[in-house]
Amino acid sequence: MRTQHFKKEVVSVIKKFHRIRELKAKYGITDFEMSKVICCSTVSMSNKINGARPFNIEEALRIILFFENKGEQITFKELFFNEVVSNENISA
């Protein structure tokens, strides 16, 4: 019986705005509702969350204040820096 050895491939994934997505889910907030917070269209909000368009500083501040008013203690870095997830440390 032959055993096959597979080469482990390291895969990294960039999770854009993962914390904003988590908070939206936690509070049941839609892109429509969030678009009202930052004064833009729903399509524009969707593009920003998906990384196709950047958030400006005023929009970032509005989002931070919105979630702080809900009792969250969050930072700019936590919300707007991407998280890189890698399987490098996962045993096969």
C-alpha atoms as a PDB file:
ATOM      1  CA  MET A   1       0.000   0.000   0.000  1.00  0.00           C
ATOM      2  CA  ARG A   2       1.400   3.353  -1.044  1.00  0.00           C
ATOM      3  CA  THR A   3       1.129   6.383   1.117  1.00  0.00           C
ATOM      4  CA  GLN A   4       1.020   9.761  -0.458  1.00  0.00           C
ATOM      5  CA  HIS A   5       2.804  12.695   1.011  1.00  0.00           C
ATOM      6  CA  PHE A   6       1.331  16.041   0.199  1.00  0.00           C
ATOM      7  CA  LYS A   7       3.366  19.174   0.280  1.00  0.00           C
ATOM      8  CA  LYS A   8       1.806  21.641   2.657  1.00  0.00           C
ATOM      9  CA  GLU A   9       0.986  24.859   0.869  1.00  0.00           C
ATOM     10  CA  VAL A  10       1.034  28.030   2.941  1.00  0.00           C
ATOM     11  CA  VAL A  11      -2.031  30.102   2.234  1.00  0.00           C
ATOM     12  CA  SER A  12      -2.536  33.614   3.529  1.00  0.00           C
ATOM     13  CA  VAL A  13      -5.838  35.422   3.303  1.00  0.00           C
ATOM     14  CA  ILE A  14      -6.367  39.126   3.897  1.00  0.00           C
ATOM     15  CA  LYS A  15      -9.611  39.752   5.736  1.00  0.00           C
ATOM     16  CA  LYS A  16     -10.688  43.288   4.905  1.00  0.00           C
ATOM     17  CA  PHE A  17     -12.567  45.177   7.585  1.00  0.00           C
ATOM     18  CA  HIS A  18     -13.233  41.963   9.517  1.00  0.00           C
ATOM     19  CA  ARG A  19     -13.981  43.820  12.764  1.00  0.00           C
ATOM     20  CA  ILE A  20     -16.542  46.127  11.119  1.00  0.00           C
ATOM     21  CA  ARG A  21     -18.220  43.035   9.667  1.00  0.00           C
ATOM     22  CA  GLU A  22     -18.253  41.377  13.111  1.00  0.00           C
ATOM     23  CA  LEU A  23     -19.812  44.422  14.764  1.00  0.00           C
ATOM     24  CA  LYS A  24     -22.408  44.808  12.005  1.00  0.00           C
ATOM     25  CA  ALA A  25     -23.400  41.171  12.527  1.00  0.00           C
ATOM     26  CA  LYS A  26     -23.426  41.518  16.321  1.00  0.00           C
ATOM     27  CA  TYR A  27     -25.878  44.416  16.160  1.00  0.00           C
ATOM     28  CA  GLY A  28     -27.786  43.272  13.057  1.00  0.00           C
ATOM     29  CA  ILE A  29     -26.728  46.329  11.062  1.00  0.00           C
ATOM     30  CA  THR A  30     -27.183  46.267   7.294  1.00  0.00           C
ATOM     31  CA  ASP A  31     -25.119  48.077   4.663  1.00  0.00           C
ATOM     32  CA  PHE A  32     -28.145  50.353   4.196  1.00  0.00           C
ATOM     33  CA  GLU A  33     -28.126  51.351   7.877  1.00  0.00           C
ATOM     34  CA  MET A  34     -24.352  51.757   7.917  1.00  0.00           C
ATOM     35  CA  SER A  35     -24.492  53.884   4.768  1.00  0.00           C
ATOM     36  CA  LYS A  36     -26.723  56.329   6.663  1.00  0.00           C
ATOM     37  CA  VAL A  37     -24.082  56.548   9.419  1.00  0.00           C
ATOM     38  CA  ILE A  38     -21.398  57.667   6.972  1.00  0.00           C
ATOM     39  CA  CYS A  39     -23.724  59.586   4.632  1.00  0.00           C
ATOM     40  CA  CYS A  40     -23.229  57.608   1.446  1.00  0.00           C
ATOM     41  CA  SER A  41     -25.234  55.279  -0.788  1.00  0.00           C
ATOM     42  CA  THR A  42     -25.712  51.596  -0.009  1.00  0.00           C
ATOM     43  CA  VAL A  43     -23.677  50.676  -3.102  1.00  0.00           C
ATOM     44  CA  SER A  44     -20.848  52.945  -1.967  1.00  0.00           C
ATOM     45  CA  MET A  45     -20.929  51.385   1.521  1.00  0.00           C
ATOM     46  CA  SER A  46     -20.794  47.903   0.034  1.00  0.00           C
ATOM     47  CA  ASN A  47     -17.835  48.908  -2.142  1.00  0.00           C
ATOM     48  CA  LYS A  48     -16.010  50.285   0.897  1.00  0.00           C
ATOM     49  CA  ILE A  49     -16.600  47.168   3.030  1.00  0.00           C
ATOM     50  CA  ASN A  50     -15.435  44.958   0.152  1.00  0.00           C
ATOM     51  CA  GLY A  51     -12.282  47.038  -0.296  1.00  0.00           C
ATOM     52  CA  ALA A  52     -13.105  48.411  -3.741  1.00  0.00           C
ATOM     53  CA  ARG A  53     -13.253  52.003  -2.413  1.00  0.00           C
ATOM     54  CA  PRO A  54     -11.416  53.529   0.559  1.00  0.00           C
ATOM     55  CA  PHE A  55     -13.013  54.981   3.674  1.00  0.00           C
ATOM     56  CA  ASN A  56     -12.060  58.604   4.304  1.00  0.00           C
ATOM     57  CA  ILE A  57     -11.150  59.926   7.756  1.00  0.00           C
ATOM     58  CA  GLU A  58     -14.579  61.467   8.408  1.00  0.00           C
ATOM     59  CA  GLU A  59     -16.322  58.187   7.561  1.00  0.00           C
ATOM     60  CA  ALA A  60     -13.923  56.282   9.794  1.00  0.00           C
ATOM     61  CA  LEU A  61     -14.612  58.645  12.695  1.00  0.00           C
ATOM     62  CA  ARG A  62     -18.386  58.324  12.201  1.00  0.00           C
ATOM     63  CA  ILE A  63     -18.131  54.517  12.287  1.00  0.00           C
ATOM     64  CA  ILE A  64     -15.971  54.561  15.416  1.00  0.00           C
ATOM     65  CA  LEU A  65     -18.357  56.933  17.209  1.00  0.00           C
ATOM     66  CA  PHE A  66     -21.372  54.901  16.071  1.00  0.00           C
ATOM     67  CA  PHE A  67     -20.021  51.725  17.656  1.00  0.00           C
ATOM     68  CA  GLU A  68     -18.694  53.552  20.730  1.00  0.00           C
ATOM     69  CA  ASN A  69     -22.245  54.819  21.316  1.00  0.00           C
ATOM     70  CA  LYS A  70     -23.295  51.166  21.384  1.00  0.00           C
ATOM     71  CA  GLY A  71     -20.782  50.524  24.172  1.00  0.00           C
ATOM     72  CA  GLU A  72     -17.892  49.153  22.115  1.00  0.00           C
ATOM     73  CA  GLN A  73     -14.330  50.121  23.000  1.00  0.00           C
ATOM     74  CA  ILE A  74     -12.616  50.110  19.633  1.00  0.00           C
ATOM     75  CA  THR A  75      -9.666  51.717  17.913  1.00  0.00           C
ATOM     76  CA  PHE A  76      -9.050  53.001  14.413  1.00  0.00           C
ATOM     77  CA  LYS A  77      -6.439  50.283  13.890  1.00  0.00           C
ATOM     78  CA  GLU A  78      -8.832  47.562  15.029  1.00  0.00           C
ATOM     79  CA  LEU A  79     -11.491  48.625  12.528  1.00  0.00           C
ATOM     80  CA  PHE A  80      -9.513  49.735   9.501  1.00  0.00           C
ATOM     81  CA  PHE A  81      -6.322  47.670   9.333  1.00  0.00           C
ATOM     82  CA  ASN A  82      -6.616  44.362   7.526  1.00  0.00           C
ATOM     83  CA  GLU A  83      -6.085  41.058   9.298  1.00  0.00           C
ATOM     84  CA  VAL A  84      -3.838  38.528   7.574  1.00  0.00           C
ATOM     85  CA  VAL A  85      -4.790  34.947   8.327  1.00  0.00           C
ATOM     86  CA  SER A  86      -2.351  32.172   7.448  1.00  0.00           C
ATOM     87  CA  ASN A  87      -2.539  28.383   7.695  1.00  0.00           C
ATOM     88  CA  GLU A  88       1.237  28.211   8.225  1.00  0.00           C
ATOM     89  CA  ASN A  89       0.924  27.269  11.900  1.00  0.00           C
ATOM     90  CA  ILE A  90      -1.870  24.752  11.366  1.00  0.00           C
ATOM     91  CA  SER A  91      -0.671  21.167  11.468  1.00  0.00           C
ATOM     92  CA  ALA A  92      -1.652  18.949   8.550  1.00  0.00           C
END
